[in-house]
């Protein structure tokens, strides 16, 4: 015990320790200086090169998202949360669908939907909304536009309720679709009720509808013909997603109206008709939009009204009238 207390470090050992600490301090100082300079250089490079920044973000976001999603799952693996369901309630199956088919792909808030009007580095190229904005507004007739694109929530609710009853679709997902249609209409510069009318005539609000010629989704878009427009969402596999189909269909419709020079010709081109006298499809869409306008204004409209407008009856020409006309 006394021997241990009598031991003292020699001056030589103390000097060696001091030299090592001094040397380590210098090395760490230089190392952190180099790291700081590199960090500043990388930050400046990313700021001056947006393309590199976008590519780097596109590569890192999947890794970060996976880590964020897997982190809480790993923490809860050993200590699962207790079941808060009422007594006697059946637990929800993991593979059970949580939403209606229309709700899939429509969980984007209207405010964030407006962000699709620019090129997103994490996606492929410009969005359909950005492409639609390249079409001059002057080329779209006034009756295809609507200055009241941002209708009140009450008017949107009236339209959603009417369409839900008329086409026998669940009201909650259809309400989300109506909001998405109003937001898309404002973004691309088309009447939202026109978009809803096209969906009503084309698919009856069935997001999985497909025609014999390959038209798909709510707006019955030819995904093979317009495959480039779906690249923003990940390719033609997203043609049946409601929001992707709605935005691409709105872009195609606006282009057809601009090329046709009128709403009637635009609807004819959208339907794929080459006969300039074919107005059947356009008449159905216009009649549906007229009904939706009445509904939005609070008027009573029967839910079983025929899609096609009533054709005016031709006058019956009798023999006496013909003879009188000939004598004149």
Protein backbone atom coordinates (compact mmCIF):
# COMPACT_ATOMS: atom_id res chain seq x y z
CA UNK A 1 0.00 0.00 0.00
CA UNK A 2 2.78 2.44 0.98
CA UNK A 3 4.78 1.36 -2.07
CA UNK A 4 1.91 2.24 -4.36
CA UNK A 5 1.47 5.68 -2.79
CA UNK A 6 5.18 6.38 -3.09
CA UNK A 7 5.11 5.83 -6.88
CA UNK A 8 5.11 8.99 -8.99
CA UNK A 9 5.26 9.26 -12.82
CA UNK A 10 8.65 10.35 -14.05
CA UNK A 11 9.09 13.62 -15.89
CA UNK A 12 10.08 11.70 -19.03
CA UNK A 13 6.79 9.79 -19.14
CA UNK A 14 4.79 12.96 -18.58
CA UNK A 15 6.59 14.67 -21.44
CA UNK A 16 5.81 11.75 -23.78
CA UNK A 17 2.11 11.90 -22.90
CA UNK A 18 2.03 15.67 -23.42
CA UNK A 19 3.69 15.32 -26.82
CA UNK A 20 1.18 12.65 -27.89
CA UNK A 21 -1.78 14.78 -26.82
CA UNK A 22 -0.36 17.83 -28.56
CA UNK A 23 0.26 15.84 -31.73
CA UNK A 24 -3.24 14.31 -31.63
CA UNK A 25 -4.79 17.76 -31.18
CA UNK A 26 -2.97 19.07 -34.24
CA UNK A 27 -4.00 16.05 -36.37
CA UNK A 28 -7.64 16.28 -35.32
CA UNK A 29 -7.63 20.04 -35.98
CA UNK A 30 -6.30 19.54 -39.52
CA UNK A 31 -8.66 16.60 -40.13
CA UNK A 32 -11.76 18.54 -39.12
CA UNK A 33 -10.60 21.50 -41.20
CA UNK A 34 -10.34 19.28 -44.28
CA UNK A 35 -13.77 17.75 -43.60
CA UNK A 36 -15.29 21.21 -43.21
CA UNK A 37 -13.77 22.42 -46.47
CA UNK A 38 -15.05 19.33 -48.28
CA UNK A 39 -18.55 19.87 -46.84
CA UNK A 40 -18.58 23.48 -48.04
CA UNK A 41 -17.35 22.43 -51.50
CA UNK A 42 -20.02 19.73 -51.80
CA UNK A 43 -22.74 22.13 -50.66
CA UNK A 44 -21.68 24.72 -53.25
CA UNK A 45 -21.53 22.07 -55.97
CA UNK A 46 -25.04 20.81 -55.19
CA UNK A 47 -26.34 24.37 -55.09
CA UNK A 48 -24.78 25.27 -58.46
CA UNK A 49 -25.67 21.94 -60.16
CA UNK A 50 -29.42 21.26 -59.73
CA UNK A 51 -29.26 18.26 -62.06
CA UNK A 52 -26.69 16.52 -59.88
CA UNK A 53 -28.71 17.47 -56.79
CA UNK A 54 -31.86 15.95 -58.31
CA UNK A 55 -30.12 12.72 -59.32
CA UNK A 56 -28.57 12.38 -55.87
CA UNK A 57 -31.94 12.98 -54.20
CA UNK A 58 -33.58 10.40 -56.46
CA UNK A 59 -30.99 7.81 -55.43
CA UNK A 60 -31.02 8.59 -51.72
CA UNK A 61 -34.76 9.03 -51.14
CA UNK A 62 -35.65 5.30 -51.51
CA UNK A 63 -32.94 4.41 -48.99
CA UNK A 64 -34.05 7.11 -46.55
CA UNK A 65 -37.72 6.21 -46.94
CA UNK A 66 -37.00 2.53 -46.35
CA UNK A 67 -34.98 3.36 -43.23
CA UNK A 68 -37.70 5.65 -41.89
CA UNK A 69 -40.38 3.02 -42.44
CA UNK A 70 -38.31 0.15 -41.10
CA UNK A 71 -36.99 1.99 -38.04
CA UNK A 72 -40.23 2.13 -36.02
CA UNK A 73 -41.04 -1.40 -37.11
CA UNK A 74 -37.77 -2.68 -35.65
CA UNK A 75 -38.35 -0.79 -32.42
CA UNK A 76 -41.83 -2.22 -32.02
CA UNK A 77 -40.84 -5.79 -32.87
CA UNK A 78 -39.79 -6.64 -29.35
CA UNK A 79 -42.50 -4.59 -27.62
CA UNK A 80 -45.68 -4.58 -29.69
CA UNK A 81 -48.35 -2.08 -28.80
CA UNK A 82 -51.41 -3.40 -26.95
CA UNK A 83 -54.68 -3.87 -28.79
CA UNK A 84 -56.89 -0.83 -28.24
CA UNK A 85 -59.88 -2.26 -30.11
CA UNK A 86 -63.15 -2.62 -28.18
CA UNK A 87 -63.89 -5.92 -26.55
CA UNK A 88 -65.27 -8.40 -29.04
CA UNK A 89 -64.06 -6.45 -32.07
CA UNK A 90 -62.36 -8.41 -34.80
CA UNK A 91 -58.82 -7.31 -35.67
CA UNK A 92 -58.38 -5.90 -39.16
CA UNK A 93 -56.70 -8.22 -41.61
CA UNK A 94 -53.47 -6.90 -43.06
CA UNK A 95 -54.42 -7.88 -46.58
CA UNK A 96 -57.90 -6.36 -46.42
CA UNK A 97 -58.43 -3.31 -48.63
CA UNK A 98 -58.70 -0.16 -46.55
CA UNK A 99 -60.25 2.07 -49.20
CA UNK A 100 -62.47 1.90 -52.21
CA UNK A 101 -60.92 1.55 -55.65
CA UNK A 102 -61.45 5.24 -56.36
CA UNK A 103 -59.62 6.21 -53.18
CA UNK A 104 -56.44 4.47 -54.37
CA UNK A 105 -54.16 7.13 -55.78
CA UNK A 106 -56.38 10.00 -54.63
CA UNK A 107 -54.91 10.49 -51.15
CA UNK A 108 -53.05 13.59 -52.32
CA UNK A 109 -54.38 16.79 -50.82
CA UNK A 110 -55.59 19.40 -53.28
CA UNK A 111 -52.89 21.79 -52.09
CA UNK A 112 -50.11 19.34 -52.87
CA UNK A 113 -51.61 18.38 -56.20
CA UNK A 114 -50.70 21.82 -57.51
CA UNK A 115 -47.05 20.95 -57.02
CA UNK A 116 -47.27 18.57 -59.99
CA UNK A 117 -47.08 21.49 -62.40
CA UNK A 118 -43.29 21.40 -62.39
CA UNK A 119 -40.69 18.81 -63.25
CA UNK A 120 -39.96 16.60 -60.27
CA UNK A 121 -36.40 15.22 -60.13
CA UNK A 122 -37.68 12.06 -58.44
CA UNK A 123 -40.03 11.43 -61.38
CA UNK A 124 -39.48 11.07 -65.09
CA UNK A 125 -39.84 14.36 -66.94
CA UNK A 126 -42.52 17.04 -66.70
CA UNK A 127 -45.94 16.32 -65.27
CA UNK A 128 -49.13 16.27 -67.40
CA UNK A 129 -50.17 19.48 -65.66
CA UNK A 130 -46.95 21.19 -66.76
CA UNK A 131 -47.47 19.97 -70.33
CA UNK A 132 -51.07 21.18 -70.32
CA UNK A 133 -49.94 24.65 -69.29
CA UNK A 134 -47.82 24.81 -72.44
CA UNK A 135 -51.04 24.89 -74.50
CA UNK A 136 -52.02 28.58 -74.80
CA UNK A 137 -55.26 29.49 -73.07
CA UNK A 138 -56.31 31.49 -76.14
CA UNK A 139 -56.60 28.26 -78.12
CA UNK A 140 -59.16 26.85 -75.68
CA UNK A 141 -62.70 28.18 -76.25
CA UNK A 142 -64.36 30.01 -73.40
CA UNK A 143 -67.08 27.38 -72.98
CA UNK A 144 -64.41 24.77 -72.21
CA UNK A 145 -62.95 26.93 -69.45
CA UNK A 146 -64.50 27.97 -66.18
CA UNK A 147 -63.60 31.07 -64.21
CA UNK A 148 -65.25 29.53 -61.15
CA UNK A 149 -62.93 26.53 -61.03
CA UNK A 150 -62.57 26.91 -57.27
CA UNK A 151 -66.20 26.23 -56.38
CA UNK A 152 -67.28 26.14 -52.76
CA UNK A 153 -67.12 22.97 -50.71
CA UNK A 154 -70.92 22.94 -50.62
CA UNK A 155 -71.17 22.91 -54.43
CA UNK A 156 -68.57 20.15 -54.67
CA UNK A 157 -70.46 18.13 -52.05
CA UNK A 158 -73.72 18.53 -53.99
CA UNK A 159 -72.05 17.31 -57.18
CA UNK A 160 -70.41 14.36 -55.38
CA UNK A 161 -73.71 13.32 -53.79
CA UNK A 162 -75.56 13.48 -57.10
CA UNK A 163 -72.91 11.49 -58.99
CA UNK A 164 -72.74 8.93 -56.20
CA UNK A 165 -76.46 8.27 -56.42
CA UNK A 166 -76.63 8.44 -60.22
CA UNK A 167 -73.74 6.05 -60.90
CA UNK A 168 -74.02 4.00 -57.68
CA UNK A 169 -70.51 4.70 -56.45
CA UNK A 170 -69.45 5.09 -52.81
CA UNK A 171 -69.75 8.75 -51.89
CA UNK A 172 -66.53 9.14 -49.87
CA UNK A 173 -64.07 8.12 -52.62
CA UNK A 174 -66.19 9.90 -55.22
CA UNK A 175 -65.98 13.05 -53.10
CA UNK A 176 -62.19 12.78 -53.24
CA UNK A 177 -62.39 12.34 -57.00
CA UNK A 178 -64.57 15.45 -57.33
CA UNK A 179 -61.99 17.46 -55.35
CA UNK A 180 -59.20 16.09 -57.53
CA UNK A 181 -61.17 16.98 -60.67
CA UNK A 182 -61.70 20.56 -59.48
CA UNK A 183 -58.01 20.90 -58.62
CA UNK A 184 -56.92 19.39 -61.95
CA UNK A 185 -59.37 21.59 -63.84
CA UNK A 186 -57.89 24.69 -62.25
CA UNK A 187 -54.33 23.51 -62.93
CA UNK A 188 -54.82 22.65 -66.62
CA UNK A 189 -57.35 25.40 -67.39
CA UNK A 190 -60.46 23.30 -68.10
CA UNK A 191 -63.93 23.27 -66.61
CA UNK A 192 -63.89 20.70 -63.76
CA UNK A 193 -67.50 19.79 -64.51
CA UNK A 194 -66.40 19.01 -68.06
CA UNK A 195 -63.80 16.57 -66.71
CA UNK A 196 -66.40 14.94 -64.47
CA UNK A 197 -68.85 14.71 -67.37
CA UNK A 198 -66.25 13.00 -69.57
CA UNK A 199 -65.53 10.48 -66.80
CA UNK A 200 -69.25 9.86 -66.35
CA UNK A 201 -69.83 9.13 -70.04
CA UNK A 202 -66.57 7.28 -70.63
CA UNK A 203 -66.35 4.96 -67.63
CA UNK A 204 -69.24 5.64 -65.26
CA UNK A 205 -66.52 6.38 -62.64
CA UNK A 206 -65.10 2.86 -62.83
CA UNK A 207 -61.31 3.29 -62.46
CA UNK A 208 -60.70 -0.21 -63.86
CA UNK A 209 -62.82 0.18 -66.99
CA UNK A 210 -61.22 -0.90 -70.27
CA UNK A 211 -62.71 -0.76 -73.75
CA UNK A 212 -62.26 -3.23 -76.55
CA UNK A 213 -59.70 -1.01 -78.25
CA UNK A 214 -57.54 -0.56 -75.14
CA UNK A 215 -58.85 2.68 -73.63
CA UNK A 216 -58.35 2.49 -69.87
CA UNK A 217 -59.39 4.09 -66.62
CA UNK A 218 -61.71 6.87 -65.59
CA UNK A 219 -61.02 9.02 -68.66
CA UNK A 220 -60.61 6.01 -71.00
CA UNK A 221 -57.14 7.05 -72.12
CA UNK A 222 -55.35 5.02 -74.78
CA UNK A 223 -52.34 4.23 -72.63
CA UNK A 224 -50.36 2.70 -75.51
CA UNK A 225 -50.83 5.81 -77.64
CA UNK A 226 -50.08 8.21 -74.78
CA UNK A 227 -47.44 6.12 -73.02
CA UNK A 228 -45.04 9.08 -72.90
CA UNK A 229 -47.50 11.06 -70.79
CA UNK A 230 -47.59 8.31 -68.14
CA UNK A 231 -43.80 8.29 -67.74
CA UNK A 232 -44.08 10.96 -65.05
CA UNK A 233 -46.06 8.52 -62.90
CA UNK A 234 -43.85 5.51 -63.66
CA UNK A 235 -45.12 4.17 -66.98
CA UNK A 236 -48.30 2.73 -68.46
CA UNK A 237 -48.76 0.44 -65.45
CA UNK A 238 -50.19 3.49 -63.67
CA UNK A 239 -52.89 4.06 -66.30
CA UNK A 240 -55.52 2.61 -63.96
CA UNK A 241 -54.56 4.86 -61.06
CA UNK A 242 -57.30 7.50 -60.73
CA UNK A 243 -55.10 10.59 -60.31
CA UNK A 244 -52.68 9.63 -63.08
CA UNK A 245 -55.52 8.78 -65.45
CA UNK A 246 -57.35 12.00 -64.61
CA UNK A 247 -54.36 14.26 -65.25
CA UNK A 248 -53.28 12.53 -68.46
CA UNK A 249 -56.88 12.50 -69.70
CA UNK A 250 -57.23 16.22 -68.95
CA UNK A 251 -54.04 16.91 -70.92
CA UNK A 252 -55.28 14.89 -73.91
CA UNK A 253 -58.70 16.56 -73.76
CA UNK A 254 -57.22 20.06 -73.68
CA UNK A 255 -54.99 19.22 -76.64
CA UNK A 256 -57.99 17.88 -78.62
CA UNK A 257 -60.03 21.01 -77.86
CA UNK A 258 -57.14 23.27 -78.90
CA UNK A 259 -56.66 21.36 -82.15
CA UNK A 260 -60.38 21.15 -82.88
CA UNK A 261 -60.97 24.85 -82.37
CA UNK A 262 -64.22 24.31 -80.46
CA UNK A 263 -65.51 22.23 -77.59
CA UNK A 264 -67.71 20.13 -79.88
CA UNK A 265 -64.83 19.31 -82.23
CA UNK A 266 -62.52 18.68 -79.29
CA UNK A 267 -64.91 16.14 -77.78
CA UNK A 268 -65.26 14.48 -81.18
CA UNK A 269 -61.47 14.18 -81.49
CA UNK A 270 -61.19 12.91 -77.92
CA UNK A 271 -63.73 10.20 -78.75
CA UNK A 272 -61.67 9.22 -81.80
CA UNK A 273 -64.38 10.03 -84.34
CA UNK A 274 -63.28 11.08 -87.83
CA UNK A 275 -66.77 12.06 -88.99
CA UNK A 276 -67.20 15.85 -88.62
CA UNK A 277 -70.98 15.40 -88.35
CA UNK A 278 -70.74 12.95 -85.43
CA UNK A 279 -72.05 14.86 -82.42
CA UNK A 280 -73.57 12.02 -80.38
CA UNK A 281 -70.70 11.71 -77.92
CA UNK A 282 -70.30 15.45 -77.49
CA UNK A 283 -74.04 15.88 -76.91
CA UNK A 284 -73.95 13.33 -74.09
CA UNK A 285 -71.02 15.06 -72.39
CA UNK A 286 -72.57 18.51 -72.75
CA UNK A 287 -75.92 17.29 -71.41
CA UNK A 288 -74.19 15.72 -68.41
CA UNK A 289 -72.29 18.93 -67.71
CA UNK A 290 -75.53 20.92 -67.90
CA UNK A 291 -77.06 18.63 -65.28
CA UNK A 292 -74.02 18.98 -63.02
CA UNK A 293 -74.22 22.75 -63.28
CA UNK A 294 -77.85 22.63 -62.19
CA UNK A 295 -76.91 20.37 -59.28
CA UNK A 296 -74.09 22.71 -58.21
CA UNK A 297 -76.58 25.60 -58.18
CA UNK A 298 -78.89 23.66 -55.88
CA UNK A 299 -81.53 22.73 -58.46
CA UNK A 300 -83.32 19.39 -58.32
CA UNK A 301 -82.14 17.04 -61.08
CA UNK A 302 -83.45 13.46 -61.43
CA UNK A 303 -80.74 10.85 -61.02
CA UNK A 304 -82.25 8.66 -63.75
CA UNK A 305 -82.15 11.33 -66.46
CA UNK A 306 -81.01 9.87 -69.81
CA UNK A 307 -77.44 10.63 -70.84
CA UNK A 308 -78.36 11.63 -74.39
CA UNK A 309 -80.36 14.85 -74.74
CA UNK A 310 -83.84 14.63 -76.21
CA UNK A 311 -83.81 15.02 -79.97
CA UNK A 312 -86.32 17.48 -81.47
CA UNK A 313 -89.13 15.71 -83.24
CA UNK A 314 -89.35 16.20 -86.99
CA UNK A 315 -92.61 17.72 -88.32
CA UNK A 316 -94.94 15.29 -90.04
CA UNK A 317 -95.47 16.33 -93.65
CA UNK A 318 -98.91 15.33 -94.89
CA UNK A 319 -99.99 14.92 -98.48
CA UNK A 320 -102.17 18.04 -98.28
CA UNK A 321 -99.29 20.15 -97.08
CA UNK A 322 -97.08 18.74 -99.84
CA UNK A 323 -99.68 19.50 -102.49
CA UNK A 324 -100.18 23.01 -101.17
CA UNK A 325 -96.45 23.61 -101.18
CA UNK A 326 -96.20 22.31 -104.73
CA UNK A 327 -99.06 24.56 -105.88
CA UNK A 328 -97.44 27.57 -104.33
